[in-house]
Amino acid sequence: MFISSAFAQAAPAPAGGGDMMSSLASMLPLLLMFVVLYFVMIRPQMKKQKEHRAMIEALAKGDEVVTAGGLLGRVSRIDDAFIAVELSAGVEVQMQRASVVQVLPKGTMK
């Protein structure tokens, strides 16, 4: 008996269409924040990842590269997931393809 009267007292009177407009207006800043977040942070990061993936797939033997660890070398062998980078004459290291950060123009290394 007490519960039903409590619910009846707490229930707001229906206001028609004005309540729906106020709820949409309160959601607008949140939606606007997500749109701005997408264009400022998410979209540029996705573009950068796509460019890096294309660079990794385009690696070829003889390319001069910079690795994530800061090593500068020339690609001597390429496998599916790994590459061999020649750092100097007779010094060759094997690393993951994804560790390549930048492909340098030909002739950068001397």
PDB file of N, CA and C in Angstrom:
ATOM      1  N   MET A   1       0.816  -1.175   0.000  1.00  0.00           N
ATOM      2  CA  MET A   1       0.000   0.000   0.000  1.00  0.00           C
ATOM      3  C   MET A   1       0.873   1.257   0.000  1.00  0.00           C
ATOM      4  N   PHE A   2       1.939   1.280   0.796  1.00  0.00           N
ATOM      5  CA  PHE A   2       2.803   2.455   0.847  1.00  0.00           C
ATOM      6  C   PHE A   2       3.611   2.634  -0.435  1.00  0.00           C
ATOM      7  N   ILE A   3       3.967   1.541  -1.064  1.00  0.00           N
ATOM      8  CA  ILE A   3       4.814   1.610  -2.260  1.00  0.00           C
ATOM      9  C   ILE A   3       4.071   2.268  -3.409  1.00  0.00           C
ATOM     10  N   SER A   4       2.837   1.900  -3.631  1.00  0.00           N
ATOM     11  CA  SER A   4       2.089   2.473  -4.744  1.00  0.00           C
ATOM     12  C   SER A   4       1.893   3.979  -4.575  1.00  0.00           C
ATOM     13  N   SER A   5       1.655   4.447  -3.359  1.00  0.00           N
ATOM     14  CA  SER A   5       1.486   5.887  -3.170  1.00  0.00           C
ATOM     15  C   SER A   5       2.823   6.610  -3.330  1.00  0.00           C
ATOM     16  N   ALA A   6       3.941   5.968  -2.995  1.00  0.00           N
ATOM     17  CA  ALA A   6       5.255   6.587  -3.177  1.00  0.00           C
ATOM     18  C   ALA A   6       5.561   6.749  -4.653  1.00  0.00           C
ATOM     19  N   PHE A   7       5.252   5.757  -5.446  1.00  0.00           N
ATOM     20  CA  PHE A   7       5.481   5.870  -6.879  1.00  0.00           C
ATOM     21  C   PHE A   7       4.593   6.941  -7.494  1.00  0.00           C
ATOM     22  N   ALA A   8       3.395   7.044  -7.015  1.00  0.00           N
ATOM     23  CA  ALA A   8       2.477   8.047  -7.545  1.00  0.00           C
ATOM     24  C   ALA A   8       2.953   9.454  -7.224  1.00  0.00           C
ATOM     25  N   GLN A   9       3.555   9.658  -6.090  1.00  0.00           N
ATOM     26  CA  GLN A   9       4.044  10.976  -5.721  1.00  0.00           C
ATOM     27  C   GLN A   9       5.299  11.346  -6.507  1.00  0.00           C
ATOM     28  N   ALA A  10       6.154  10.373  -6.846  1.00  0.00           N
ATOM     29  CA  ALA A  10       7.423  10.651  -7.514  1.00  0.00           C
ATOM     30  C   ALA A  10       7.273  10.798  -9.020  1.00  0.00           C
ATOM     31  N   ALA A  11       6.176  10.360  -9.565  1.00  0.00           N
ATOM     32  CA  ALA A  11       6.001  10.402 -11.012  1.00  0.00           C
ATOM     33  C   ALA A  11       5.732  11.823 -11.478  1.00  0.00           C
ATOM     34  N   PRO A  12       6.543  12.336 -12.426  1.00  0.00           N
ATOM     35  CA  PRO A  12       6.286  13.683 -12.943  1.00  0.00           C
ATOM     36  C   PRO A  12       5.104  13.677 -13.906  1.00  0.00           C
ATOM     37  N   ALA A  13       4.482  14.787 -14.020  1.00  0.00           N
ATOM     38  CA  ALA A  13       3.356  14.914 -14.941  1.00  0.00           C
ATOM     39  C   ALA A  13       3.887  14.954 -16.361  1.00  0.00           C
ATOM     40  N   PRO A  14       3.244  14.281 -17.299  1.00  0.00           N
ATOM     41  CA  PRO A  14       3.699  14.311 -18.692  1.00  0.00           C
ATOM     42  C   PRO A  14       3.642  15.735 -19.245  1.00  0.00           C
ATOM     43  N   ALA A  15       4.737  16.141 -19.905  1.00  0.00           N
ATOM     44  CA  ALA A  15       4.826  17.523 -20.379  1.00  0.00           C
ATOM     45  C   ALA A  15       4.622  17.629 -21.880  1.00  0.00           C
ATOM     46  N   GLY A  16       4.322  16.566 -22.523  1.00  0.00           N
ATOM     47  CA  GLY A  16       4.120  16.630 -23.975  1.00  0.00           C
ATOM     48  C   GLY A  16       5.439  16.483 -24.708  1.00  0.00           C
ATOM     49  N   GLY A  17       5.690  17.278 -25.757  1.00  0.00           N
ATOM     50  CA  GLY A  17       6.899  17.190 -26.568  1.00  0.00           C
ATOM     51  C   GLY A  17       8.064  17.984 -26.028  1.00  0.00           C
ATOM     52  N   GLY A  18       7.867  18.852 -25.074  1.00  0.00           N
ATOM     53  CA  GLY A  18       8.933  19.678 -24.528  1.00  0.00           C
ATOM     54  C   GLY A  18       9.986  18.870 -23.796  1.00  0.00           C
ATOM     55  N   ASP A  19       9.596  17.777 -23.184  1.00  0.00           N
ATOM     56  CA  ASP A  19      10.542  16.931 -22.448  1.00  0.00           C
ATOM     57  C   ASP A  19      11.524  16.274 -23.406  1.00  0.00           C
ATOM     58  N   MET A  20      11.058  15.866 -24.556  1.00  0.00           N
ATOM     59  CA  MET A  20      11.923  15.221 -25.542  1.00  0.00           C
ATOM     60  C   MET A  20      12.934  16.216 -26.104  1.00  0.00           C
ATOM     61  N   MET A  21      12.526  17.432 -26.324  1.00  0.00           N
ATOM     62  CA  MET A  21      13.434  18.458 -26.842  1.00  0.00           C
ATOM     63  C   MET A  21      14.523  18.788 -25.827  1.00  0.00           C
ATOM     64  N   SER A  22      14.179  18.837 -24.567  1.00  0.00           N
ATOM     65  CA  SER A  22      15.181  19.146 -23.546  1.00  0.00           C
ATOM     66  C   SER A  22      16.184  18.005 -23.409  1.00  0.00           C
ATOM     67  N   SER A  23      15.745  16.757 -23.569  1.00  0.00           N
ATOM     68  CA  SER A  23      16.671  15.635 -23.488  1.00  0.00           C
ATOM     69  C   SER A  23      17.616  15.628 -24.697  1.00  0.00           C
ATOM     70  N   LEU A  24      17.122  15.993 -25.873  1.00  0.00           N
ATOM     71  CA  LEU A  24      17.987  16.098 -27.051  1.00  0.00           C
ATOM     72  C   LEU A  24      18.982  17.245 -26.904  1.00  0.00           C
ATOM     73  N   ALA A  25      18.533  18.334 -26.334  1.00  0.00           N
ATOM     74  CA  ALA A  25      19.417  19.484 -26.135  1.00  0.00           C
ATOM     75  C   ALA A  25      20.504  19.168 -25.109  1.00  0.00           C
ATOM     76  N   SER A  26      20.209  18.352 -24.129  1.00  0.00           N
ATOM     77  CA  SER A  26      21.227  17.987 -23.150  1.00  0.00           C
ATOM     78  C   SER A  26      22.211  16.968 -23.722  1.00  0.00           C
ATOM     79  N   MET A  27      21.815  16.205 -24.715  1.00  0.00           N
ATOM     80  CA  MET A  27      22.703  15.216 -25.353  1.00  0.00           C
ATOM     81  C   MET A  27      23.589  15.857 -26.411  1.00  0.00           C
ATOM     82  N   LEU A  28      23.224  17.011 -26.913  1.00  0.00           N
ATOM     83  CA  LEU A  28      23.969  17.659 -27.993  1.00  0.00           C
ATOM     84  C   LEU A  28      25.431  17.943 -27.646  1.00  0.00           C
ATOM     85  N   PRO A  29      25.769  18.481 -26.491  1.00  0.00           N
ATOM     86  CA  PRO A  29      27.193  18.703 -26.179  1.00  0.00           C
ATOM     87  C   PRO A  29      28.008  17.407 -26.135  1.00  0.00           C
ATOM     88  N   LEU A  30      27.402  16.341 -25.647  1.00  0.00           N
ATOM     89  CA  LEU A  30      28.087  15.055 -25.590  1.00  0.00           C
ATOM     90  C   LEU A  30      28.362  14.534 -27.003  1.00  0.00           C
ATOM     91  N   LEU A  31      27.383  14.623 -27.866  1.00  0.00           N
ATOM     92  CA  LEU A  31      27.565  14.192 -29.255  1.00  0.00           C
ATOM     93  C   LEU A  31      28.600  15.058 -29.966  1.00  0.00           C
ATOM     94  N   LEU A  32      28.559  16.345 -29.730  1.00  0.00           N
ATOM     95  CA  LEU A  32      29.520  17.258 -30.329  1.00  0.00           C
ATOM     96  C   LEU A  32      30.936  16.938 -29.863  1.00  0.00           C
ATOM     97  N   MET A  33      31.089  16.574 -28.601  1.00  0.00           N
ATOM     98  CA  MET A  33      32.396  16.212 -28.067  1.00  0.00           C
ATOM     99  C   MET A  33      32.937  14.954 -28.762  1.00  0.00           C
ATOM    100  N   PHE A  34      32.112  13.966 -29.007  1.00  0.00           N
ATOM    101  CA  PHE A  34      32.553  12.762 -29.700  1.00  0.00           C
ATOM    102  C   PHE A  34      32.945  13.047 -31.147  1.00  0.00           C
ATOM    103  N   VAL A  35      32.222  13.920 -31.815  1.00  0.00           N
ATOM    104  CA  VAL A  35      32.563  14.280 -33.198  1.00  0.00           C
ATOM    105  C   VAL A  35      33.908  14.995 -33.245  1.00  0.00           C
ATOM    106  N   VAL A  36      34.135  15.923 -32.358  1.00  0.00           N
ATOM    107  CA  VAL A  36      35.412  16.635 -32.302  1.00  0.00           C
ATOM    108  C   VAL A  36      36.538  15.666 -31.965  1.00  0.00           C
ATOM    109  N   LEU A  37      36.325  14.766 -31.018  1.00  0.00           N
ATOM    110  CA  LEU A  37      37.327  13.761 -30.649  1.00  0.00           C
ATOM    111  C   LEU A  37      37.691  12.896 -31.845  1.00  0.00           C
ATOM    112  N   TYR A  38      36.708  12.517 -32.635  1.00  0.00           N
ATOM    113  CA  TYR A  38      36.965  11.692 -33.815  1.00  0.00           C
ATOM    114  C   TYR A  38      37.869  12.434 -34.808  1.00  0.00           C
ATOM    115  N   PHE A  39      37.533  13.682 -35.122  1.00  0.00           N
ATOM    116  CA  PHE A  39      38.289  14.411 -36.133  1.00  0.00           C
ATOM    117  C   PHE A  39      39.647  14.903 -35.638  1.00  0.00           C
ATOM    118  N   VAL A  40      39.808  15.087 -34.333  1.00  0.00           N
ATOM    119  CA  VAL A  40      41.066  15.606 -33.810  1.00  0.00           C
ATOM    120  C   VAL A  40      42.034  14.487 -33.440  1.00  0.00           C
ATOM    121  N   MET A  41      41.528  13.365 -32.918  1.00  0.00           N
ATOM    122  CA  MET A  41      42.428  12.327 -32.425  1.00  0.00           C
ATOM    123  C   MET A  41      42.345  11.017 -33.202  1.00  0.00           C
ATOM    124  N   ILE A  42      41.189  10.491 -33.414  1.00  0.00           N
ATOM    125  CA  ILE A  42      41.050   9.142 -33.965  1.00  0.00           C
ATOM    126  C   ILE A  42      41.374   9.105 -35.453  1.00  0.00           C
ATOM    127  N   ARG A  43      40.826  10.000 -36.227  1.00  0.00           N
ATOM    128  CA  ARG A  43      41.027   9.984 -37.677  1.00  0.00           C
ATOM    129  C   ARG A  43      42.493  10.193 -38.073  1.00  0.00           C
ATOM    130  N   PRO A  44      43.220  11.168 -37.496  1.00  0.00           N
ATOM    131  CA  PRO A  44      44.639  11.311 -37.859  1.00  0.00           C
ATOM    132  C   PRO A  44      45.476  10.096 -37.471  1.00  0.00           C
ATOM    133  N   GLN A  45      45.159   9.465 -36.340  1.00  0.00           N
ATOM    134  CA  GLN A  45      45.904   8.280 -35.927  1.00  0.00           C
ATOM    135  C   GLN A  45      45.664   7.131 -36.892  1.00  0.00           C
ATOM    136  N   MET A  46      44.444   6.954 -37.350  1.00  0.00           N
ATOM    137  CA  MET A  46      44.146   5.898 -38.316  1.00  0.00           C
ATOM    138  C   MET A  46      44.869   6.156 -39.629  1.00  0.00           C
ATOM    139  N   LYS A  47      44.938   7.411 -40.049  1.00  0.00           N
ATOM    140  CA  LYS A  47      45.633   7.770 -41.279  1.00  0.00           C
ATOM    141  C   LYS A  47      47.130   7.466 -41.157  1.00  0.00           C
ATOM    142  N   LYS A  48      47.710   7.783 -40.000  1.00  0.00           N
ATOM    143  CA  LYS A  48      49.128   7.531 -39.758  1.00  0.00           C
ATOM    144  C   LYS A  48      49.426   6.034 -39.774  1.00  0.00           C
ATOM    145  N   GLN A  49      48.547   5.231 -39.167  1.00  0.00           N
ATOM    146  CA  GLN A  49      48.721   3.778 -39.167  1.00  0.00           C
ATOM    147  C   GLN A  49      48.640   3.216 -40.581  1.00  0.00           C
ATOM    148  N   LYS A  50      47.739   3.744 -41.383  1.00  0.00           N
ATOM    149  CA  LYS A  50      47.580   3.280 -42.760  1.00  0.00           C
ATOM    150  C   LYS A  50      48.831   3.601 -43.578  1.00  0.00           C
ATOM    151  N   GLU A  51      49.396   4.784 -43.402  1.00  0.00           N
ATOM    152  CA  GLU A  51      50.618   5.160 -44.109  1.00  0.00           C
ATOM    153  C   GLU A  51      51.800   4.296 -43.674  1.00  0.00           C
ATOM    154  N   HIS A  52      51.901   4.003 -42.376  1.00  0.00           N
ATOM    155  CA  HIS A  52      52.987   3.164 -41.869  1.00  0.00           C
ATOM    156  C   HIS A  52      52.869   1.745 -42.421  1.00  0.00           C
ATOM    157  N   ARG A  53      51.652   1.207 -42.459  1.00  0.00           N
ATOM    158  CA  ARG A  53      51.425  -0.130 -43.009  1.00  0.00           C
ATOM    159  C   ARG A  53      51.820  -0.187 -44.473  1.00  0.00           C
ATOM    160  N   ALA A  54      51.488   0.849 -45.247  1.00  0.00           N
ATOM    161  CA  ALA A  54      51.855   0.889 -46.665  1.00  0.00           C
ATOM    162  C   ALA A  54      53.375   0.966 -46.826  1.00  0.00           C
ATOM    163  N   MET A  55      54.047   1.733 -45.961  1.00  0.00           N
ATOM    164  CA  MET A  55      55.505   1.837 -46.027  1.00  0.00           C
ATOM    165  C   MET A  55      56.152   0.494 -45.709  1.00  0.00           C
ATOM    166  N   ILE A  56      55.652  -0.217 -44.717  1.00  0.00           N
ATOM    167  CA  ILE A  56      56.195  -1.516 -44.330  1.00  0.00           C
ATOM    168  C   ILE A  56      56.018  -2.528 -45.461  1.00  0.00           C
ATOM    169  N   GLU A  57      54.862  -2.512 -46.101  1.00  0.00           N
ATOM    170  CA  GLU A  57      54.606  -3.455 -47.191  1.00  0.00           C
ATOM    171  C   GLU A  57      55.447  -3.142 -48.418  1.00  0.00           C
ATOM    172  N   ALA A  58      55.850  -1.895 -48.589  1.00  0.00           N
ATOM    173  CA  ALA A  58      56.617  -1.495 -49.771  1.00  0.00           C
ATOM    174  C   ALA A  58      58.126  -1.631 -49.574  1.00  0.00           C
ATOM    175  N   LEU A  59      58.562  -2.125 -48.417  1.00  0.00           N
ATOM    176  CA  LEU A  59      60.001  -2.290 -48.192  1.00  0.00           C
ATOM    177  C   LEU A  59      60.598  -3.232 -49.232  1.00  0.00           C
ATOM    178  N   ALA A  60      61.798  -2.883 -49.698  1.00  0.00           N
ATOM    179  CA  ALA A  60      62.485  -3.711 -50.687  1.00  0.00           C
ATOM    180  C   ALA A  60      63.945  -3.855 -50.290  1.00  0.00           C
ATOM    181  N   LYS A  61      64.580  -4.860 -50.832  1.00  0.00           N
ATOM    182  CA  LYS A  61      65.996  -5.088 -50.559  1.00  0.00           C
ATOM    183  C   LYS A  61      66.794  -3.886 -51.059  1.00  0.00           C
ATOM    184  N   GLY A  62      67.694  -3.390 -50.221  1.00  0.00           N
ATOM    185  CA  GLY A  62      68.512  -2.242 -50.580  1.00  0.00           C
ATOM    186  C   GLY A  62      67.989  -0.915 -50.053  1.00  0.00           C
ATOM    187  N   ASP A  63      66.777  -0.897 -49.509  1.00  0.00           N
ATOM    188  CA  ASP A  63      66.242   0.342 -48.920  1.00  0.00           C
ATOM    189  C   ASP A  63      67.036   0.711 -47.675  1.00  0.00           C
ATOM    190  N   GLU A  64      67.260   1.990 -47.481  1.00  0.00           N
ATOM    191  CA  GLU A  64      67.925   2.488 -46.283  1.00  0.00           C
ATOM    192  C   GLU A  64      66.851   2.917 -45.302  1.00  0.00           C
ATOM    193  N   VAL A  65      66.930   2.361 -44.078  1.00  0.00           N
ATOM    194  CA  VAL A  65      65.847   2.547 -43.116  1.00  0.00           C
ATOM    195  C   VAL A  65      66.384   3.015 -41.769  1.00  0.00           C
ATOM    196  N   VAL A  66      65.478   3.600 -40.985  1.00  0.00           N
ATOM    197  CA  VAL A  66      65.728   3.936 -39.587  1.00  0.00           C
ATOM    198  C   VAL A  66      64.755   3.090 -38.773  1.00  0.00           C
ATOM    199  N   THR A  67      65.270   2.432 -37.732  1.00  0.00           N
ATOM    200  CA  THR A  67      64.422   1.573 -36.910  1.00  0.00           C
ATOM    201  C   THR A  67      63.914   2.334 -35.690  1.00  0.00           C
ATOM    202  N   ALA A  68      62.996   1.715 -34.969  1.00  0.00           N
ATOM    203  CA  ALA A  68      62.434   2.330 -33.762  1.00  0.00           C
ATOM    204  C   ALA A  68      63.505   2.519 -32.698  1.00  0.00           C
ATOM    205  N   GLY A  69      64.545   1.705 -32.716  1.00  0.00           N
ATOM    206  CA  GLY A  69      65.622   1.843 -31.755  1.00  0.00           C
ATOM    207  C   GLY A  69      66.661   2.873 -32.153  1.00  0.00           C
ATOM    208  N   GLY A  70      66.488   3.482 -33.319  1.00  0.00           N
ATOM    209  CA  GLY A  70      67.407   4.512 -33.770  1.00  0.00           C
ATOM    210  C   GLY A  70      68.542   3.993 -34.630  1.00  0.00           C
ATOM    211  N   LEU A  71      68.510   2.719 -34.994  1.00  0.00           N
ATOM    212  CA  LEU A  71      69.553   2.158 -35.842  1.00  0.00           C
ATOM    213  C   LEU A  71      69.317   2.534 -37.292  1.00  0.00           C
ATOM    214  N   LEU A  72      70.410   2.835 -37.984  1.00  0.00           N
ATOM    215  CA  LEU A  72      70.360   3.210 -39.393  1.00  0.00           C
ATOM    216  C   LEU A  72      71.038   2.098 -40.172  1.00  0.00           C
ATOM    217  N   GLY A  73      70.353   1.552 -41.172  1.00  0.00           N
ATOM    218  CA  GLY A  73      70.936   0.448 -41.925  1.00  0.00           C
ATOM    219  C   GLY A  73      70.269   0.251 -43.257  1.00  0.00           C
ATOM    220  N   ARG A  74      70.768  -0.752 -43.977  1.00  0.00           N
ATOM    221  CA  ARG A  74      70.269  -1.086 -45.309  1.00  0.00           C
ATOM    222  C   ARG A  74      69.619  -2.466 -45.253  1.00  0.00           C
ATOM    223  N   VAL A  75      68.434  -2.605 -45.819  1.00  0.00           N
ATOM    224  CA  VAL A  75      67.712  -3.875 -45.812  1.00  0.00           C
ATOM    225  C   VAL A  75      68.460  -4.855 -46.714  1.00  0.00           C
ATOM    226  N   SER A  76      68.807  -6.033 -46.136  1.00  0.00           N
ATOM    227  CA  SER A  76      69.533  -7.024 -46.923  1.00  0.00           C
ATOM    228  C   SER A  76      68.687  -8.249 -47.235  1.00  0.00           C
ATOM    229  N   ARG A  77      67.714  -8.562 -46.398  1.00  0.00           N
ATOM    230  CA  ARG A  77      66.810  -9.696 -46.624  1.00  0.00           C
ATOM    231  C   ARG A  77      65.430  -9.344 -46.114  1.00  0.00           C
ATOM    232  N   ILE A  78      64.407  -9.880 -46.781  1.00  0.00           N
ATOM    233  CA  ILE A  78      63.027  -9.614 -46.365  1.00  0.00           C
ATOM    234  C   ILE A  78      62.270 -10.931 -46.282  1.00  0.00           C
ATOM    235  N   ASP A  79      61.633 -11.175 -45.137  1.00  0.00           N
ATOM    236  CA  ASP A  79      60.726 -12.313 -44.967  1.00  0.00           C
ATOM    237  C   ASP A  79      59.320 -11.753 -44.752  1.00  0.00           C
ATOM    238  N   ASP A  80      58.389 -12.634 -44.408  1.00  0.00           N
ATOM    239  CA  ASP A  80      57.017 -12.175 -44.190  1.00  0.00           C
ATOM    240  C   ASP A  80      56.908 -11.227 -43.007  1.00  0.00           C
ATOM    241  N   ALA A  81      57.481 -11.608 -41.863  1.00  0.00           N
ATOM    242  CA  ALA A  81      57.341 -10.805 -40.659  1.00  0.00           C
ATOM    243  C   ALA A  81      58.644 -10.140 -40.233  1.00  0.00           C
ATOM    244  N   PHE A  82      59.785 -10.602 -40.776  1.00  0.00           N
ATOM    245  CA  PHE A  82      61.084 -10.103 -40.331  1.00  0.00           C
ATOM    246  C   PHE A  82      61.903  -9.589 -41.510  1.00  0.00           C
ATOM    247  N   ILE A  83      62.834  -8.700 -41.187  1.00  0.00           N
ATOM    248  CA  ILE A  83      63.793  -8.222 -42.176  1.00  0.00           C
ATOM    249  C   ILE A  83      65.183  -8.317 -41.570  1.00  0.00           C
ATOM    250  N   ALA A  84      66.198  -8.424 -42.418  1.00  0.00           N
ATOM    251  CA  ALA A  84      67.578  -8.371 -41.967  1.00  0.00           C
ATOM    252  C   ALA A  84      68.120  -7.022 -42.405  1.00  0.00           C
ATOM    253  N   VAL A  85      68.702  -6.286 -41.462  1.00  0.00           N
ATOM    254  CA  VAL A  85      69.231  -4.958 -41.732  1.00  0.00           C
ATOM    255  C   VAL A  85      70.737  -5.001 -41.537  1.00  0.00           C
ATOM    256  N   GLU A  86      71.462  -4.572 -42.553  1.00  0.00           N
ATOM    257  CA  GLU A  86      72.914  -4.496 -42.471  1.00  0.00           C
ATOM    258  C   GLU A  86      73.285  -3.124 -41.927  1.00  0.00           C
ATOM    259  N   LEU A  87      73.872  -3.120 -40.723  1.00  0.00           N
ATOM    260  CA  LEU A  87      74.224  -1.868 -40.065  1.00  0.00           C
ATOM    261  C   LEU A  87      75.558  -1.335 -40.583  1.00  0.00           C
ATOM    262  N   SER A  88      76.502  -2.219 -40.794  1.00  0.00           N
ATOM    263  CA  SER A  88      77.791  -1.876 -41.396  1.00  0.00           C
ATOM    264  C   SER A  88      78.301  -3.140 -42.078  1.00  0.00           C
ATOM    265  N   ALA A  89      79.460  -3.073 -42.706  1.00  0.00           N
ATOM    266  CA  ALA A  89      79.990  -4.220 -43.439  1.00  0.00           C
ATOM    267  C   ALA A  89      80.172  -5.402 -42.490  1.00  0.00           C
ATOM    268  N   GLY A  90      79.452  -6.485 -42.740  1.00  0.00           N
ATOM    269  CA  GLY A  90      79.565  -7.693 -41.946  1.00  0.00           C
ATOM    270  C   GLY A  90      78.711  -7.719 -40.690  1.00  0.00           C
ATOM    271  N   VAL A  91      77.997  -6.655 -40.372  1.00  0.00           N
ATOM    272  CA  VAL A  91      77.130  -6.615 -39.185  1.00  0.00           C
ATOM    273  C   VAL A  91      75.680  -6.568 -39.652  1.00  0.00           C
ATOM    274  N   GLU A  92      74.970  -7.668 -39.371  1.00  0.00           N
ATOM    275  CA  GLU A  92      73.586  -7.772 -39.831  1.00  0.00           C
ATOM    276  C   GLU A  92      72.714  -8.165 -38.649  1.00  0.00           C
ATOM    277  N   VAL A  93      71.597  -7.481 -38.478  1.00  0.00           N
ATOM    278  CA  VAL A  93      70.648  -7.808 -37.418  1.00  0.00           C
ATOM    279  C   VAL A  93      69.306  -8.153 -38.040  1.00  0.00           C
ATOM    280  N   GLN A  94      68.592  -9.035 -37.338  1.00  0.00           N
ATOM    281  CA  GLN A  94      67.269  -9.414 -37.804  1.00  0.00           C
ATOM    282  C   GLN A  94      66.253  -8.765 -36.876  1.00  0.00           C
ATOM    283  N   MET A  95      65.214  -8.163 -37.436  1.00  0.00           N
ATOM    284  CA  MET A  95      64.200  -7.482 -36.634  1.00  0.00           C
ATOM    285  C   MET A  95      62.841  -7.582 -37.316  1.00  0.00           C
ATOM    286  N   GLN A  96      61.828  -7.195 -36.575  1.00  0.00           N
ATOM    287  CA  GLN A  96      60.475  -7.208 -37.124  1.00  0.00           C
ATOM    288  C   GLN A  96      60.311  -6.084 -38.134  1.00  0.00           C
ATOM    289  N   ARG A  97      59.473  -6.330 -39.120  1.00  0.00           N
ATOM    290  CA  ARG A  97      59.225  -5.296 -40.137  1.00  0.00           C
ATOM    291  C   ARG A  97      58.606  -4.048 -39.524  1.00  0.00           C
ATOM    292  N   ALA A  98      57.756  -4.242 -38.521  1.00  0.00           N
ATOM    293  CA  ALA A  98      57.049  -3.106 -37.913  1.00  0.00           C
ATOM    294  C   ALA A  98      57.981  -2.169 -37.159  1.00  0.00           C
ATOM    295  N   SER A  99      59.213  -2.594 -36.888  1.00  0.00           N
ATOM    296  CA  SER A  99      60.141  -1.724 -36.162  1.00  0.00           C
ATOM    297  C   SER A  99      60.770  -0.664 -37.053  1.00  0.00           C
ATOM    298  N   VAL A 100      60.514  -0.733 -38.350  1.00  0.00           N
ATOM    299  CA  VAL A 100      61.018   0.299 -39.264  1.00  0.00           C
ATOM    300  C   VAL A 100      60.140   1.532 -39.113  1.00  0.00           C
ATOM    301  N   VAL A 101      60.774   2.660 -38.835  1.00  0.00           N
ATOM    302  CA  VAL A 101      60.048   3.903 -38.608  1.00  0.00           C
ATOM    303  C   VAL A 101      60.043   4.772 -39.855  1.00  0.00           C
ATOM    304  N   GLN A 102      61.147   4.736 -40.610  1.00  0.00           N
ATOM    305  CA  GLN A 102      61.269   5.637 -41.751  1.00  0.00           C
ATOM    306  C   GLN A 102      62.146   4.989 -42.822  1.00  0.00           C
ATOM    307  N   VAL A 103      61.773   5.191 -44.065  1.00  0.00           N
ATOM    308  CA  VAL A 103      62.610   4.787 -45.186  1.00  0.00           C
ATOM    309  C   VAL A 103      63.300   6.050 -45.690  1.00  0.00           C
ATOM    310  N   LEU A 104      64.627   6.004 -45.724  1.00  0.00           N
ATOM    311  CA  LEU A 104      65.420   7.167 -46.119  1.00  0.00           C
ATOM    312  C   LEU A 104      65.613   7.194 -47.628  1.00  0.00           C
ATOM    313  N   PRO A 105      65.903   8.363 -48.196  1.00  0.00           N
ATOM    314  CA  PRO A 105      66.206   8.436 -49.619  1.00  0.00           C
ATOM    315  C   PRO A 105      67.512   7.683 -49.921  1.00  0.00           C
ATOM    316  N   LYS A 106      67.604   7.143 -51.123  1.00  0.00           N
ATOM    317  CA  LYS A 106      68.787   6.391 -51.530  1.00  0.00           C
ATOM    318  C   LYS A 106      70.011   7.293 -51.437  1.00  0.00           C
ATOM    319  N   GLY A 107      71.107   6.723 -50.930  1.00  0.00           N
ATOM    320  CA  GLY A 107      72.357   7.469 -50.842  1.00  0.00           C
ATOM    321  C   GLY A 107      72.531   8.242 -49.554  1.00  0.00           C
ATOM    322  N   THR A 108      71.609   8.118 -48.610  1.00  0.00           N
ATOM    323  CA  THR A 108      71.723   8.820 -47.340  1.00  0.00           C
ATOM    324  C   THR A 108      72.875   8.252 -46.529  1.00  0.00           C
ATOM    325  N   MET A 109      72.978   6.913 -46.529  1.00  0.00           N
ATOM    326  CA  MET A 109      74.066   6.250 -45.815  1.00  0.00           C
ATOM    327  C   MET A 109      75.295   6.231 -46.695  1.00  0.00           C
ATOM    328  N   LYS A 110      76.447   6.459 -46.088  1.00  0.00           N
ATOM    329  CA  LYS A 110      77.684   6.413 -46.865  1.00  0.00           C
ATOM    330  C   LYS A 110      78.645   5.456 -46.225  1.00  0.00           C
TER     331      LYS A 110
END
